Structures are given as structure tokens and as C-alpha cells.
């Protein structure tokens, strides 16, 4: 289906690039499509020994809001996503997982963006702090799953990757 007639890079940035494509469709019509090129990312649902889910709260400039979310970060060139996940946990919450498993992979907004997020579940957490990125101001919180359910109902959790990972966890955890 894809038939790109023309492709122009309009912007190259530290995190994203912007490409404008002219695409020819089977009907013969041509349409302009704007594409945000974004590196792959990881997101991790960490669960401590008490069964609490660890979230970070940080300011996100694009939405001008402090939000709760699971730890996450960009996969560096040549880096294995699992290694990225372990590094991000150490930087953001100060723990290294004894157990980590991939639970999902999805595109954050496939209508215009190439960002793919690989989501992991992590537990058996051991204290192991790495320095935070210098542009991150993160606070760490641990919540019982029931607290998070209430926060979601109150619209205090608005991050899509966090919601997805939380509902994955709730569907699989042993019932009490």
C-alpha cells in the first residue's frame, strides 16, 4: 500500500525528527502525511516485595503537568531494550530487578508517530541507584494496587503506558 512519492525531513531534533511525506494511494490520489520519527522506548511496571507498584511523578512540559507514570526511557542506539529497562529502573527509582520480563510492545500513536514502547514487568527489586538524567526531577511513590484503582477512577493516572501495564498486572495477579 505504501507508495511514497516524496519525503522531506523538515526538522531534526534531540528526541524527534519530523518528516513530511507525499503518499500516492491506489486510487491515484496523493496526500501529505506528517510523520514524527521517534526512537523506541521502554516502560517498566516495578512491583516491590509488599506487592506495591512503584510509580514516578514528574513534570511533563508538553502537557504542562506533573503526572504519575511507570518508569520509562529511550532505547539508545545499539542498546538492548531489556538493558535499557534495567538502567532506567536504577536511574529513576534506585532499584535493579532480580526478575524482568517483557509483557507487551505497542506503538504510542501510530497515526503520525513511529515511537514503539516495549513494556516490562519487574520484581525482586534490589537497591542499586544510578545517577538520574540531569534534566529529570522525579519523585518516587509506591502504591497498593487498590490505591491505584482509586486514583485511576479519580483521573489522577492519565498516562497510557501506565494504564496498560497496570491493567495487565491486575488481570494476572493472584486473587486474594
C-alpha atoms as a PDB file:
ATOM      1  CA  UNK A   1       0.000   0.000   0.000  1.00  0.00           C
ATOM      2  CA  UNK A   2       2.859   2.372   0.837  1.00  0.00           C
ATOM      3  CA  UNK A   3       3.988   4.413  -2.140  1.00  0.00           C
ATOM      4  CA  UNK A   4       5.944   7.484  -1.093  1.00  0.00           C
ATOM      5  CA  UNK A   5       6.244   9.975  -3.938  1.00  0.00           C
ATOM      6  CA  UNK A   6       8.318  12.487  -1.957  1.00  0.00           C
ATOM      7  CA  UNK A   7       9.782  12.616   1.529  1.00  0.00           C
ATOM      8  CA  UNK A   8      11.282  15.715   3.144  1.00  0.00           C
ATOM      9  CA  UNK A   9      12.930  15.971   6.557  1.00  0.00           C
ATOM     10  CA  UNK A  10      11.644  19.251   7.994  1.00  0.00           C
ATOM     11  CA  UNK A  11      13.244  19.107  11.439  1.00  0.00           C
ATOM     12  CA  UNK A  12      15.964  17.121  13.217  1.00  0.00           C
ATOM     13  CA  UNK A  13      15.980  17.311  16.996  1.00  0.00           C
ATOM     14  CA  UNK A  14      17.474  15.596  20.025  1.00  0.00           C
ATOM     15  CA  UNK A  15      14.392  13.422  20.644  1.00  0.00           C
ATOM     16  CA  UNK A  16      12.336  13.628  17.448  1.00  0.00           C
ATOM     17  CA  UNK A  17      12.645  14.296  13.743  1.00  0.00           C
ATOM     18  CA  UNK A  18       9.760  15.488  11.576  1.00  0.00           C
ATOM     19  CA  UNK A  19       9.284  14.142   8.067  1.00  0.00           C
ATOM     20  CA  UNK A  20       6.642  15.227   5.563  1.00  0.00           C
ATOM     21  CA  UNK A  21       5.733  12.544   3.009  1.00  0.00           C
ATOM     22  CA  UNK A  22       3.627  12.798  -0.111  1.00  0.00           C
ATOM     23  CA  UNK A  23       1.932   9.406  -0.467  1.00  0.00           C
ATOM     24  CA  UNK A  24       0.213   8.058  -3.591  1.00  0.00           C
ATOM     25  CA  UNK A  25      -2.805   5.845  -2.881  1.00  0.00           C
ATOM     26  CA  UNK A  26      -4.160   3.005  -5.089  1.00  0.00           C
ATOM     27  CA  UNK A  27      -6.912   5.358  -6.297  1.00  0.00           C
ATOM     28  CA  UNK A  28      -4.218   7.616  -7.743  1.00  0.00           C
ATOM     29  CA  UNK A  29      -4.787  10.421  -5.257  1.00  0.00           C
ATOM     30  CA  UNK A  30      -1.847  11.921  -3.402  1.00  0.00           C
ATOM     31  CA  UNK A  31      -1.990  13.044   0.223  1.00  0.00           C
ATOM     32  CA  UNK A  32       0.513  14.703   2.528  1.00  0.00           C
ATOM     33  CA  UNK A  33       1.357  12.810   5.719  1.00  0.00           C
ATOM     34  CA  UNK A  34       3.357  14.275   8.609  1.00  0.00           C
ATOM     35  CA  UNK A  35       5.464  11.709  10.453  1.00  0.00           C
ATOM     36  CA  UNK A  36       7.193  12.164  13.797  1.00  0.00           C
ATOM     37  CA  UNK A  37      10.249   9.901  13.905  1.00  0.00           C
ATOM     38  CA  UNK A  38      10.900   8.855  17.494  1.00  0.00           C
ATOM     39  CA  UNK A  39      13.313   6.334  18.990  1.00  0.00           C
ATOM     40  CA  UNK A  40      11.951   3.209  20.615  1.00  0.00           C
ATOM     41  CA  UNK A  41      11.324   3.434  24.340  1.00  0.00           C
ATOM     42  CA  UNK A  42      10.856   1.114  27.284  1.00  0.00           C
ATOM     43  CA  UNK A  43       8.454   1.322  30.205  1.00  0.00           C
ATOM     44  CA  UNK A  44       8.642  -0.834  33.309  1.00  0.00           C
ATOM     45  CA  UNK A  45       5.995  -1.852  35.848  1.00  0.00           C
ATOM     46  CA  UNK A  46       8.049  -2.428  39.033  1.00  0.00           C
ATOM     47  CA  UNK A  47       6.440  -4.279  41.943  1.00  0.00           C
ATOM     48  CA  UNK A  48       8.146  -4.338  45.351  1.00  0.00           C
ATOM     49  CA  UNK A  49       8.168  -7.134  47.956  1.00  0.00           C
ATOM     50  CA  UNK A  50       4.966  -5.755  49.539  1.00  0.00           C
ATOM     51  CA  UNK A  51       3.114  -6.021  46.226  1.00  0.00           C
ATOM     52  CA  UNK A  52       3.133  -2.251  45.739  1.00  0.00           C
ATOM     53  CA  UNK A  53       3.549  -0.752  42.298  1.00  0.00           C
ATOM     54  CA  UNK A  54       6.259   1.878  42.093  1.00  0.00           C
ATOM     55  CA  UNK A  55       5.462   4.990  40.074  1.00  0.00           C
ATOM     56  CA  UNK A  56       7.357   8.178  39.441  1.00  0.00           C
ATOM     57  CA  UNK A  57       5.844  11.638  39.411  1.00  0.00           C
ATOM     58  CA  UNK A  58       7.442  14.168  37.144  1.00  0.00           C
ATOM     59  CA  UNK A  59       6.696  17.316  35.212  1.00  0.00           C
ATOM     60  CA  UNK A  60       5.945  16.806  31.512  1.00  0.00           C
ATOM     61  CA  UNK A  61       6.410  20.025  29.571  1.00  0.00           C
ATOM     62  CA  UNK A  62       4.269  19.006  26.564  1.00  0.00           C
ATOM     63  CA  UNK A  63       1.159  18.805  28.759  1.00  0.00           C
ATOM     64  CA  UNK A  64       2.345  21.333  31.387  1.00  0.00           C
ATOM     65  CA  UNK A  65       1.514  18.927  34.185  1.00  0.00           C
ATOM     66  CA  UNK A  66       3.094  16.735  36.858  1.00  0.00           C
ATOM     67  CA  UNK A  67       1.937  13.181  36.211  1.00  0.00           C
ATOM     68  CA  UNK A  68       2.269   9.746  37.755  1.00  0.00           C
ATOM     69  CA  UNK A  69       3.726   7.124  35.454  1.00  0.00           C
ATOM     70  CA  UNK A  70       5.739   3.938  35.428  1.00  0.00           C
ATOM     71  CA  UNK A  71       9.497   4.410  34.904  1.00  0.00           C
ATOM     72  CA  UNK A  72      10.397   4.759  31.229  1.00  0.00           C
ATOM     73  CA  UNK A  73      13.126   5.908  28.899  1.00  0.00           C
ATOM     74  CA  UNK A  74      14.534   5.926  25.401  1.00  0.00           C
ATOM     75  CA  UNK A  75      16.483   2.993  23.981  1.00  0.00           C
ATOM     76  CA  UNK A  76      19.921   4.273  22.997  1.00  0.00           C
ATOM     77  CA  UNK A  77      21.443   3.352  19.632  1.00  0.00           C
ATOM     78  CA  UNK A  78      22.706  -0.253  19.797  1.00  0.00           C
ATOM     79  CA  UNK A  79      21.323  -0.835  23.307  1.00  0.00           C
ATOM     80  CA  UNK A  80      19.240  -3.909  24.094  1.00  0.00           C
ATOM     81  CA  UNK A  81      15.784  -2.763  25.311  1.00  0.00           C
ATOM     82  CA  UNK A  82      15.989  -5.075  28.348  1.00  0.00           C
ATOM     83  CA  UNK A  83      19.268  -3.384  29.355  1.00  0.00           C
ATOM     84  CA  UNK A  84      17.576  -0.006  28.884  1.00  0.00           C
ATOM     85  CA  UNK A  85      14.757  -1.120  31.195  1.00  0.00           C
ATOM     86  CA  UNK A  86      17.197  -2.197  33.915  1.00  0.00           C
ATOM     87  CA  UNK A  87      19.160   1.069  33.590  1.00  0.00           C
ATOM     88  CA  UNK A  88      16.004   3.201  33.742  1.00  0.00           C
ATOM     89  CA  UNK A  89      14.872   1.470  36.945  1.00  0.00           C
ATOM     90  CA  UNK A  90      18.250   2.161  38.541  1.00  0.00           C
ATOM     91  CA  UNK A  91      18.230   5.814  37.444  1.00  0.00           C
ATOM     92  CA  UNK A  92      14.609   6.624  38.223  1.00  0.00           C
ATOM     93  CA  UNK A  93      13.691   4.558  41.289  1.00  0.00           C
ATOM     94  CA  UNK A  94      17.046   3.256  42.575  1.00  0.00           C
ATOM     95  CA  UNK A  95      16.387  -0.477  42.149  1.00  0.00           C
ATOM     96  CA  UNK A  96      17.705  -3.294  39.973  1.00  0.00           C
ATOM     97  CA  UNK A  97      15.253  -6.109  39.187  1.00  0.00           C
ATOM     98  CA  UNK A  98      16.061  -9.717  40.053  1.00  0.00           C
ATOM     99  CA  UNK A  99      13.329 -10.701  37.598  1.00  0.00           C
ATOM    100  CA  UNK A 100      12.248  -8.821  34.483  1.00  0.00           C
ATOM    101  CA  UNK A 101      10.012  -9.963  31.644  1.00  0.00           C
ATOM    102  CA  UNK A 102       8.650  -8.341  28.518  1.00  0.00           C
ATOM    103  CA  UNK A 103       4.859  -8.079  28.659  1.00  0.00           C
ATOM    104  CA  UNK A 104       3.900  -6.001  25.619  1.00  0.00           C
ATOM    105  CA  UNK A 105       5.068  -3.935  22.695  1.00  0.00           C
ATOM    106  CA  UNK A 106       2.950  -1.195  21.144  1.00  0.00           C
ATOM    107  CA  UNK A 107       3.030   1.988  19.087  1.00  0.00           C
ATOM    108  CA  UNK A 108       2.125   5.028  21.179  1.00  0.00           C
ATOM    109  CA  UNK A 109       0.358   6.930  18.390  1.00  0.00           C
ATOM    110  CA  UNK A 110       0.681   5.123  15.030  1.00  0.00           C
ATOM    111  CA  UNK A 111      -1.373   7.665  13.105  1.00  0.00           C
ATOM    112  CA  UNK A 112       1.615  10.014  12.958  1.00  0.00           C
ATOM    113  CA  UNK A 113       4.478   8.731  15.138  1.00  0.00           C
ATOM    114  CA  UNK A 114       6.982   5.856  14.858  1.00  0.00           C
ATOM    115  CA  UNK A 115       7.561   5.528  18.630  1.00  0.00           C
ATOM    116  CA  UNK A 116       7.393   1.907  19.761  1.00  0.00           C
ATOM    117  CA  UNK A 117       7.217   1.216  23.505  1.00  0.00           C
ATOM    118  CA  UNK A 118       8.361  -2.113  24.911  1.00  0.00           C
ATOM    119  CA  UNK A 119       6.788  -2.735  28.312  1.00  0.00           C
ATOM    120  CA  UNK A 120       8.349  -4.879  31.032  1.00  0.00           C
ATOM    121  CA  UNK A 121       7.230  -6.272  34.371  1.00  0.00           C
ATOM    122  CA  UNK A 122       9.912  -6.239  37.090  1.00  0.00           C
ATOM    123  CA  UNK A 123      10.055  -7.581  40.637  1.00  0.00           C
ATOM    124  CA  UNK A 124      12.589  -8.992  43.141  1.00  0.00           C
ATOM    125  CA  UNK A 125      13.904  -5.431  43.393  1.00  0.00           C
ATOM    126  CA  UNK A 126      17.330  -4.810  44.946  1.00  0.00           C
ATOM    127  CA  UNK A 127      18.639  -1.368  45.897  1.00  0.00           C
ATOM    128  CA  UNK A 128      21.018  -0.155  43.148  1.00  0.00           C
ATOM    129  CA  UNK A 129      20.991   3.584  42.371  1.00  0.00           C
ATOM    130  CA  UNK A 130      22.466   5.166  39.246  1.00  0.00           C
ATOM    131  CA  UNK A 131      22.587   8.947  38.749  1.00  0.00           C
ATOM    132  CA  UNK A 132      19.395  10.434  37.295  1.00  0.00           C
ATOM    133  CA  UNK A 133      19.444  12.202  33.954  1.00  0.00           C
ATOM    134  CA  UNK A 134      20.286  15.838  34.659  1.00  0.00           C
ATOM    135  CA  UNK A 135      17.036  17.137  33.148  1.00  0.00           C
ATOM    136  CA  UNK A 136      14.752  14.887  35.200  1.00  0.00           C
ATOM    137  CA  UNK A 137      13.163  15.876  38.506  1.00  0.00           C
ATOM    138  CA  UNK A 138      11.491  12.726  39.722  1.00  0.00           C
ATOM    139  CA  UNK A 139       9.680  11.791  42.911  1.00  0.00           C
ATOM    140  CA  UNK A 140       9.146   8.087  43.629  1.00  0.00           C
ATOM    141  CA  UNK A 141       5.937   6.632  45.103  1.00  0.00           C
ATOM    142  CA  UNK A 142       4.776   3.106  45.969  1.00  0.00           C
ATOM    143  CA  UNK A 143       1.049   2.353  45.758  1.00  0.00           C
ATOM    144  CA  UNK A 144      -1.034  -0.693  46.608  1.00  0.00           C
ATOM    145  CA  UNK A 145      -2.990  -1.838  43.534  1.00  0.00           C
ATOM    146  CA  UNK A 146      -6.234  -0.819  45.255  1.00  0.00           C
ATOM    147  CA  UNK A 147      -4.896   2.724  45.705  1.00  0.00           C
ATOM    148  CA  UNK A 148      -4.076   2.892  42.007  1.00  0.00           C
ATOM    149  CA  UNK A 149      -7.565   1.705  41.079  1.00  0.00           C
ATOM    150  CA  UNK A 150      -8.970   4.607  43.092  1.00  0.00           C
ATOM    151  CA  UNK A 151      -6.501   7.065  41.542  1.00  0.00           C
ATOM    152  CA  UNK A 152      -7.495   5.888  38.057  1.00  0.00           C
ATOM    153  CA  UNK A 153     -11.194   6.350  38.883  1.00  0.00           C
ATOM    154  CA  UNK A 154     -10.366   9.868  40.106  1.00  0.00           C
ATOM    155  CA  UNK A 155      -8.460  10.562  36.857  1.00  0.00           C
ATOM    156  CA  UNK A 156      -5.166  11.010  38.707  1.00  0.00           C
ATOM    157  CA  UNK A 157      -3.428   8.492  36.416  1.00  0.00           C
ATOM    158  CA  UNK A 158      -3.554   9.707  32.813  1.00  0.00           C
ATOM    159  CA  UNK A 159      -0.528   8.070  31.212  1.00  0.00           C
ATOM    160  CA  UNK A 160      -1.413   5.412  28.620  1.00  0.00           C
ATOM    161  CA  UNK A 161       1.572   3.105  29.146  1.00  0.00           C
ATOM    162  CA  UNK A 162       0.946   3.143  32.889  1.00  0.00           C
ATOM    163  CA  UNK A 163      -2.733   2.292  32.461  1.00  0.00           C
ATOM    164  CA  UNK A 164      -1.909  -0.539  30.047  1.00  0.00           C
ATOM    165  CA  UNK A 165       0.739  -2.063  32.320  1.00  0.00           C
ATOM    166  CA  UNK A 166      -1.446  -1.724  35.417  1.00  0.00           C
ATOM    167  CA  UNK A 167      -4.409  -3.485  33.801  1.00  0.00           C
ATOM    168  CA  UNK A 168      -2.079  -6.219  32.501  1.00  0.00           C
ATOM    169  CA  UNK A 169      -0.876  -6.730  36.080  1.00  0.00           C
ATOM    170  CA  UNK A 170      -4.382  -6.741  37.560  1.00  0.00           C
ATOM    171  CA  UNK A 171      -5.548  -9.367  35.053  1.00  0.00           C
ATOM    172  CA  UNK A 172      -2.682 -11.693  36.000  1.00  0.00           C
ATOM    173  CA  UNK A 173      -2.013 -11.235  39.691  1.00  0.00           C
ATOM    174  CA  UNK A 174      -3.248 -13.884  42.108  1.00  0.00           C
ATOM    175  CA  UNK A 175      -6.587 -13.029  43.691  1.00  0.00           C
ATOM    176  CA  UNK A 176      -6.584 -12.610  47.467  1.00  0.00           C
END
